[in-house]
Amino acid sequence: MKKSVCFGLGGSRFAKRMSERAPMVDGCVFCDIARRTPTSTTSLLYADDKVVAFRDINPSAFRHYLIIPIEHISTVKSLQRTEDDYQLVSHMVKVGKDLLNRDAPNSEEHRFGFHQPPFNSVDHLHLHCLALPFVPRPDVPIADFWH
């Protein structure tokens, strides 16, 4: 039986921050990926009208994917206690689980989570989806993990 662990949301307060939500933000690398702008060369693993998924450029597990909303939402703290945001996050987790089950069917543990400011590297909401084991060896080229 697969074990799923979610992290990053516990105990945080969800504040309504409409200024941190926009269809697209100029200069946001994840907005470029989500909108498939000509400057983005990122290969998508999944896309629909709400989210896109792609490989993390610096994977820390056997499989490490990011799921991002197409709408620019700055951080997990920008989420609101609304049905729409609950459905968005649930959909992000479902997409991540489906991809990991497809690409790493023998992994016994999955981890899902968001970074909270100031620990987020990109100010665009992104769900990390990892199929363990973790990959502690930084000397192995990234391409070796995707065979």
C-alpha atoms as a PDB file:
ATOM      1  CA  MET A   1       0.000   0.000   0.000  1.00  0.00           C
ATOM      2  CA  LYS A   2       1.324   3.417  -0.967  1.00  0.00           C
ATOM      3  CA  LYS A   3       1.876   5.928   1.777  1.00  0.00           C
ATOM      4  CA  SER A   4       1.162   9.576   0.987  1.00  0.00           C
ATOM      5  CA  VAL A   5       2.403  12.397   3.166  1.00  0.00           C
ATOM      6  CA  CYS A   6       1.388  16.015   2.684  1.00  0.00           C
ATOM      7  CA  PHE A   7       3.408  18.856   4.152  1.00  0.00           C
ATOM      8  CA  GLY A   8       3.486  22.642   4.063  1.00  0.00           C
ATOM      9  CA  LEU A   9      -0.097  23.575   4.890  1.00  0.00           C
ATOM     10  CA  GLY A  10      -0.311  22.691   8.565  1.00  0.00           C
ATOM     11  CA  GLY A  11      -1.230  25.452  10.924  1.00  0.00           C
ATOM     12  CA  SER A  12      -0.979  28.314   8.461  1.00  0.00           C
ATOM     13  CA  ARG A  13      -3.720  30.894   8.243  1.00  0.00           C
ATOM     14  CA  PHE A  14      -5.223  31.470   4.849  1.00  0.00           C
ATOM     15  CA  ALA A  15      -5.539  35.183   4.250  1.00  0.00           C
ATOM     16  CA  LYS A  16      -7.489  36.728   1.436  1.00  0.00           C
ATOM     17  CA  ARG A  17      -4.834  38.429  -0.634  1.00  0.00           C
ATOM     18  CA  MET A  18      -6.367  39.321  -3.956  1.00  0.00           C
ATOM     19  CA  SER A  19      -3.308  41.422  -4.829  1.00  0.00           C
ATOM     20  CA  GLU A  20      -1.337  38.164  -4.987  1.00  0.00           C
ATOM     21  CA  ARG A  21      -3.655  36.613  -7.585  1.00  0.00           C
ATOM     22  CA  ALA A  22      -3.624  37.435 -11.279  1.00  0.00           C
ATOM     23  CA  PRO A  23      -4.173  35.672 -14.591  1.00  0.00           C
ATOM     24  CA  MET A  24      -0.466  36.097 -15.407  1.00  0.00           C
ATOM     25  CA  VAL A  25       2.471  38.065 -14.042  1.00  0.00           C
ATOM     26  CA  ASP A  26       5.205  39.438 -16.306  1.00  0.00           C
ATOM     27  CA  GLY A  27       8.608  38.002 -15.460  1.00  0.00           C
ATOM     28  CA  CYS A  28       7.208  34.969 -13.584  1.00  0.00           C
ATOM     29  CA  VAL A  29       8.973  31.873 -14.907  1.00  0.00           C
ATOM     30  CA  PHE A  30       6.068  29.622 -13.864  1.00  0.00           C
ATOM     31  CA  CYS A  31       3.522  31.864 -15.625  1.00  0.00           C
ATOM     32  CA  ASP A  32       5.657  31.481 -18.770  1.00  0.00           C
ATOM     33  CA  ILE A  33       5.587  27.701 -18.368  1.00  0.00           C
ATOM     34  CA  ALA A  34       1.852  27.601 -17.604  1.00  0.00           C
ATOM     35  CA  ARG A  35       1.016  29.771 -20.617  1.00  0.00           C
ATOM     36  CA  ARG A  36       3.529  27.947 -22.821  1.00  0.00           C
ATOM     37  CA  THR A  37       5.145  31.183 -23.939  1.00  0.00           C
ATOM     38  CA  PRO A  38       7.771  30.948 -26.703  1.00  0.00           C
ATOM     39  CA  THR A  39      10.548  31.632 -24.176  1.00  0.00           C
ATOM     40  CA  SER A  40       9.652  28.530 -22.134  1.00  0.00           C
ATOM     41  CA  THR A  41      11.290  25.281 -23.201  1.00  0.00           C
ATOM     42  CA  THR A  42       9.884  23.224 -20.316  1.00  0.00           C
ATOM     43  CA  SER A  43       8.258  19.956 -21.370  1.00  0.00           C
ATOM     44  CA  LEU A  44       4.869  19.449 -19.788  1.00  0.00           C
ATOM     45  CA  LEU A  45       3.855  16.107 -18.326  1.00  0.00           C
ATOM     46  CA  TYR A  46       0.229  17.187 -17.965  1.00  0.00           C
ATOM     47  CA  ALA A  47      -1.929  20.200 -18.821  1.00  0.00           C
ATOM     48  CA  ASP A  48      -5.591  21.111 -18.468  1.00  0.00           C
ATOM     49  CA  ASP A  49      -7.533  24.366 -18.056  1.00  0.00           C
ATOM     50  CA  LYS A  50      -6.510  24.729 -14.357  1.00  0.00           C
ATOM     51  CA  VAL A  51      -2.980  23.330 -13.923  1.00  0.00           C
ATOM     52  CA  VAL A  52       0.176  22.138 -15.652  1.00  0.00           C
ATOM     53  CA  ALA A  53       2.779  19.636 -14.443  1.00  0.00           C
ATOM     54  CA  PHE A  54       6.473  19.284 -15.227  1.00  0.00           C
ATOM     55  CA  ARG A  55       9.686  17.838 -13.802  1.00  0.00           C
ATOM     56  CA  ASP A  56      11.536  19.762 -11.102  1.00  0.00           C
ATOM     57  CA  ILE A  57      14.838  21.002 -12.558  1.00  0.00           C
ATOM     58  CA  ASN A  58      16.641  20.009  -9.365  1.00  0.00           C
ATOM     59  CA  PRO A  59      14.992  16.709  -8.345  1.00  0.00           C
ATOM     60  CA  SER A  60      15.455  15.477  -4.818  1.00  0.00           C
ATOM     61  CA  ALA A  61      13.662  12.149  -5.250  1.00  0.00           C
ATOM     62  CA  PHE A  62      13.341   9.255  -7.685  1.00  0.00           C
ATOM     63  CA  ARG A  63      10.539  11.251  -9.329  1.00  0.00           C
ATOM     64  CA  HIS A  64      10.034  14.918  -8.466  1.00  0.00           C
ATOM     65  CA  TYR A  65       7.320  16.868 -10.250  1.00  0.00           C
ATOM     66  CA  LEU A  66       5.799  20.311  -9.818  1.00  0.00           C
ATOM     67  CA  ILE A  67       2.102  21.027 -10.296  1.00  0.00           C
ATOM     68  CA  ILE A  68       1.255  24.716 -10.778  1.00  0.00           C
ATOM     69  CA  PRO A  69      -1.997  26.565 -11.347  1.00  0.00           C
ATOM     70  CA  ILE A  70      -2.296  28.440 -14.621  1.00  0.00           C
ATOM     71  CA  GLU A  71      -3.651  31.419 -12.688  1.00  0.00           C
ATOM     72  CA  HIS A  72      -0.841  33.255 -10.906  1.00  0.00           C
ATOM     73  CA  ILE A  73      -1.252  32.692  -7.164  1.00  0.00           C
ATOM     74  CA  SER A  74       1.837  33.933  -5.345  1.00  0.00           C
ATOM     75  CA  THR A  75       2.164  31.462  -2.468  1.00  0.00           C
ATOM     76  CA  VAL A  76       0.263  28.961  -0.348  1.00  0.00           C
ATOM     77  CA  LYS A  77      -0.533  31.866   1.978  1.00  0.00           C
ATOM     78  CA  SER A  78      -2.480  33.498  -0.869  1.00  0.00           C
ATOM     79  CA  LEU A  79      -5.019  30.675  -0.885  1.00  0.00           C
ATOM     80  CA  GLN A  80      -8.436  31.428   0.547  1.00  0.00           C
ATOM     81  CA  ARG A  81     -10.844  29.252   2.505  1.00  0.00           C
ATOM     82  CA  THR A  82     -13.162  28.920  -0.466  1.00  0.00           C
ATOM     83  CA  GLU A  83     -14.581  25.965  -2.339  1.00  0.00           C
ATOM     84  CA  ASP A  84     -12.695  27.087  -5.481  1.00  0.00           C
ATOM     85  CA  ASP A  85      -9.300  27.051  -3.760  1.00  0.00           C
ATOM     86  CA  TYR A  86     -10.072  23.761  -2.019  1.00  0.00           C
ATOM     87  CA  GLN A  87     -10.958  22.219  -5.396  1.00  0.00           C
ATOM     88  CA  LEU A  88      -7.805  23.667  -6.986  1.00  0.00           C
ATOM     89  CA  VAL A  89      -5.495  22.213  -4.334  1.00  0.00           C
ATOM     90  CA  SER A  90      -7.363  18.879  -4.406  1.00  0.00           C
ATOM     91  CA  HIS A  91      -6.991  18.791  -8.188  1.00  0.00           C
ATOM     92  CA  MET A  92      -3.270  19.593  -7.926  1.00  0.00           C
ATOM     93  CA  VAL A  93      -2.774  16.690  -5.499  1.00  0.00           C
ATOM     94  CA  LYS A  94      -4.821  14.326  -7.699  1.00  0.00           C
ATOM     95  CA  VAL A  95      -2.768  15.218 -10.788  1.00  0.00           C
ATOM     96  CA  GLY A  96       0.434  14.665  -8.810  1.00  0.00           C
ATOM     97  CA  LYS A  97      -0.751  11.282  -7.484  1.00  0.00           C
ATOM     98  CA  ASP A  98      -1.831  10.174 -10.959  1.00  0.00           C
ATOM     99  CA  LEU A  99       1.544  11.128 -12.480  1.00  0.00           C
ATOM    100  CA  LEU A 100       3.544   9.422  -9.724  1.00  0.00           C
ATOM    101  CA  ASN A 101       1.393   6.280  -9.915  1.00  0.00           C
ATOM    102  CA  ARG A 102       1.945   6.232 -13.681  1.00  0.00           C
ATOM    103  CA  ASP A 103       5.693   6.969 -13.662  1.00  0.00           C
ATOM    104  CA  ALA A 104       6.801   5.322 -10.404  1.00  0.00           C
ATOM    105  CA  PRO A 105       4.347   2.464  -9.801  1.00  0.00           C
ATOM    106  CA  ASN A 106       6.737   0.608  -7.480  1.00  0.00           C
ATOM    107  CA  SER A 107       7.398   3.545  -5.171  1.00  0.00           C
ATOM    108  CA  GLU A 108       5.982   2.791  -1.737  1.00  0.00           C
ATOM    109  CA  GLU A 109       5.833   6.363  -0.504  1.00  0.00           C
ATOM    110  CA  HIS A 110       4.825   9.673  -2.035  1.00  0.00           C
ATOM    111  CA  ARG A 111       5.273  13.133  -0.545  1.00  0.00           C
ATOM    112  CA  PHE A 112       3.308  16.249  -1.498  1.00  0.00           C
ATOM    113  CA  GLY A 113       3.764  19.775  -0.241  1.00  0.00           C
ATOM    114  CA  PHE A 114       4.108  23.494  -0.669  1.00  0.00           C
ATOM    115  CA  HIS A 115       6.888  25.736   0.563  1.00  0.00           C
ATOM    116  CA  GLN A 116       5.809  28.673   2.689  1.00  0.00           C
ATOM    117  CA  PRO A 117       7.456  32.084   2.432  1.00  0.00           C
ATOM    118  CA  PRO A 118      10.280  32.828   2.870  1.00  0.00           C
ATOM    119  CA  PHE A 119      11.245  29.287   1.842  1.00  0.00           C
ATOM    120  CA  ASN A 120       9.685  29.349  -1.614  1.00  0.00           C
ATOM    121  CA  SER A 121      12.098  29.719  -4.519  1.00  0.00           C
ATOM    122  CA  VAL A 122       9.499  31.005  -7.023  1.00  0.00           C
ATOM    123  CA  ASP A 123       6.602  33.295  -6.117  1.00  0.00           C
ATOM    124  CA  HIS A 124       4.014  31.207  -7.959  1.00  0.00           C
ATOM    125  CA  LEU A 125       2.131  28.500  -6.067  1.00  0.00           C
ATOM    126  CA  HIS A 126       3.650  25.087  -6.815  1.00  0.00           C
ATOM    127  CA  LEU A 127       3.011  21.667  -5.362  1.00  0.00           C
ATOM    128  CA  HIS A 128       6.046  19.405  -5.005  1.00  0.00           C
ATOM    129  CA  CYS A 129       5.183  15.771  -5.768  1.00  0.00           C
ATOM    130  CA  LEU A 130       7.864  13.241  -4.896  1.00  0.00           C
ATOM    131  CA  ALA A 131       8.072   9.475  -5.302  1.00  0.00           C
ATOM    132  CA  LEU A 132      10.605   8.194  -2.809  1.00  0.00           C
ATOM    133  CA  PRO A 133      13.361   7.225  -2.334  1.00  0.00           C
ATOM    134  CA  PHE A 134      15.015  10.578  -1.930  1.00  0.00           C
ATOM    135  CA  VAL A 135      18.050  11.163  -4.093  1.00  0.00           C
ATOM    136  CA  PRO A 136      20.830  12.398  -1.802  1.00  0.00           C
ATOM    137  CA  ARG A 137      23.614  12.228  -4.415  1.00  0.00           C
ATOM    138  CA  PRO A 138      24.076  15.626  -6.118  1.00  0.00           C
ATOM    139  CA  ASP A 139      26.910  14.219  -8.272  1.00  0.00           C
ATOM    140  CA  VAL A 140      24.528  12.114 -10.415  1.00  0.00           C
ATOM    141  CA  PRO A 141      23.297  13.909 -13.569  1.00  0.00           C
ATOM    142  CA  ILE A 142      19.575  14.732 -13.602  1.00  0.00           C
ATOM    143  CA  ALA A 143      19.063  12.856 -16.874  1.00  0.00           C
ATOM    144  CA  ASP A 144      19.949   9.573 -15.125  1.00  0.00           C
ATOM    145  CA  PHE A 145      16.795   9.768 -13.015  1.00  0.00           C
ATOM    146  CA  TRP A 146      14.331   9.981 -15.899  1.00  0.00           C
ATOM    147  CA  HIS A 147      14.944   6.685 -17.696  1.00  0.00           C
END
